[in-house]
C-alpha atoms as a PDB file:
ATOM      1  CA  MET A   1       0.000   0.000   0.000  1.00  0.00           C
ATOM      2  CA  ALA A   2       1.271   3.463  -0.881  1.00  0.00           C
ATOM      3  CA  LYS A   3       2.102   5.979   1.791  1.00  0.00           C
ATOM      4  CA  LYS A   4      -0.113   9.020   2.195  1.00  0.00           C
ATOM      5  CA  GLY A   5       2.530  11.565   1.135  1.00  0.00           C
ATOM      6  CA  ASP A   6       3.967   9.430  -1.659  1.00  0.00           C
ATOM      7  CA  LYS A   7       5.358  11.520  -4.551  1.00  0.00           C
ATOM      8  CA  ARG A   8       5.375   8.645  -7.082  1.00  0.00           C
ATOM      9  CA  LYS A   9       2.300   8.453  -9.332  1.00  0.00           C
ATOM     10  CA  LEU A  10       1.165   5.617 -11.598  1.00  0.00           C
ATOM     11  CA  ILE A  11       0.982   6.714 -15.251  1.00  0.00           C
ATOM     12  CA  GLY A  12       0.058   5.051 -18.520  1.00  0.00           C
ATOM     13  CA  LEU A  13       2.080   5.335 -21.720  1.00  0.00           C
ATOM     14  CA  VAL A  14       0.110   5.709 -24.976  1.00  0.00           C
ATOM     15  CA  SER A  15       1.518   5.114 -28.448  1.00  0.00           C
ATOM     16  CA  GLU A  16       1.470   8.198 -30.684  1.00  0.00           C
ATOM     17  CA  GLU A  17       1.031   6.157 -33.876  1.00  0.00           C
ATOM     18  CA  SER A  18      -1.534   3.518 -32.928  1.00  0.00           C
ATOM     19  CA  GLY A  19      -3.122   5.162 -29.848  1.00  0.00           C
ATOM     20  CA  GLU A  20      -2.968   2.010 -27.728  1.00  0.00           C
ATOM     21  CA  ARG A  21      -1.922   1.974 -24.087  1.00  0.00           C
ATOM     22  CA  ILE A  22       0.363  -0.952 -23.353  1.00  0.00           C
ATOM     23  CA  TYR A  23       2.894   0.241 -20.791  1.00  0.00           C
ATOM     24  CA  TYR A  24       2.359   1.470 -17.221  1.00  0.00           C
ATOM     25  CA  THR A  25       5.048   2.908 -14.986  1.00  0.00           C
ATOM     26  CA  THR A  26       5.548   5.182 -11.992  1.00  0.00           C
ATOM     27  CA  LYS A  27       7.258   8.550 -11.924  1.00  0.00           C
ATOM     28  CA  ASN A  28       8.342  10.971  -9.246  1.00  0.00           C
ATOM     29  CA  THR A  29       6.289  14.127  -9.857  1.00  0.00           C
ATOM     30  CA  MET A  30       8.690  16.302  -7.872  1.00  0.00           C
ATOM     31  CA  ASN A  31      11.712  15.464 -10.065  1.00  0.00           C
ATOM     32  CA  THR A  32       9.931  15.270 -13.453  1.00  0.00           C
ATOM     33  CA  PRO A  33       6.889  17.581 -13.572  1.00  0.00           C
ATOM     34  CA  ASP A  34       6.780  17.498 -17.409  1.00  0.00           C
ATOM     35  CA  LYS A  35       5.164  14.717 -19.432  1.00  0.00           C
ATOM     36  CA  LEU A  36       7.308  11.693 -20.212  1.00  0.00           C
ATOM     37  CA  SER A  37       8.006  10.680 -23.793  1.00  0.00           C
ATOM     38  CA  LEU A  38       9.742   7.332 -24.155  1.00  0.00           C
ATOM     39  CA  ARG A  39      10.664   5.320 -27.218  1.00  0.00           C
ATOM     40  CA  LYS A  40       9.394   1.778 -26.637  1.00  0.00           C
ATOM     41  CA  TYR A  41       8.478  -1.295 -28.667  1.00  0.00           C
ATOM     42  CA  SER A  42       4.922  -1.627 -29.991  1.00  0.00           C
ATOM     43  CA  PRO A  43       4.004  -5.283 -30.609  1.00  0.00           C
ATOM     44  CA  LYS A  44       1.024  -4.274 -32.744  1.00  0.00           C
ATOM     45  CA  LEU A  45       3.180  -2.244 -35.171  1.00  0.00           C
ATOM     46  CA  ARG A  46       6.277  -4.427 -34.614  1.00  0.00           C
ATOM     47  CA  LYS A  47       8.635  -1.467 -34.325  1.00  0.00           C
ATOM     48  CA  HIS A  48       9.824   1.134 -31.811  1.00  0.00           C
ATOM     49  CA  VAL A  49       7.584   4.208 -31.523  1.00  0.00           C
ATOM     50  CA  VAL A  50       7.229   7.167 -29.147  1.00  0.00           C
ATOM     51  CA  PHE A  51       4.959   6.613 -26.142  1.00  0.00           C
ATOM     52  CA  THR A  52       3.716   9.659 -24.202  1.00  0.00           C
ATOM     53  CA  GLU A  53       2.382   9.951 -20.685  1.00  0.00           C
ATOM     54  CA  THR A  54      -1.325   9.993 -19.827  1.00  0.00           C
ATOM     55  CA  LYS A  55      -3.226   9.486 -16.606  1.00  0.00           C
ATOM     56  CA  LYS A  56      -3.887   5.898 -15.633  1.00  0.00           C
ATOM     57  CA  ASN A  57      -7.610   6.456 -15.041  1.00  0.00           C
ATOM     58  CA  LEU A  58      -8.495   7.586 -18.600  1.00  0.00           C
ATOM     59  CA  GLY A  59     -10.756   5.351 -20.640  1.00  0.00           C
ATOM     60  CA  ARG A  60      -9.215   2.649 -22.777  1.00  0.00           C
ATOM     61  CA  ASN A  61      -7.040   3.988 -25.628  1.00  0.00           C
ATOM     62  CA  GLU A  62      -7.950   7.644 -24.992  1.00  0.00           C
ATOM     63  CA  VAL A  63      -5.311  10.277 -25.561  1.00  0.00           C
ATOM     64  CA  LYS A  64      -5.783  13.614 -23.835  1.00  0.00           C
ATOM     65  CA  GLY A  65      -5.190  16.558 -26.200  1.00  0.00           C
ATOM     66  CA  ARG A  66      -2.400  19.007 -25.566  1.00  0.00           C
ATOM     67  CA  LYS A  67      -3.108  22.689 -25.031  1.00  0.00           C
END
């Protein structure tokens, strides 16, 4: 169980090309306040693509628009 003042948040990573959410990870919000963008393998496309951070509690395969 997480501590009450825990700075690490659970985030989902969504593919920019296919829009699917495969990967989940945690990040320290104090050290990295910006959105993560990681290059990871997409088994659906069978190549490495850029995955960007979204909230874990969004609906399936939803990408929140940038402002």
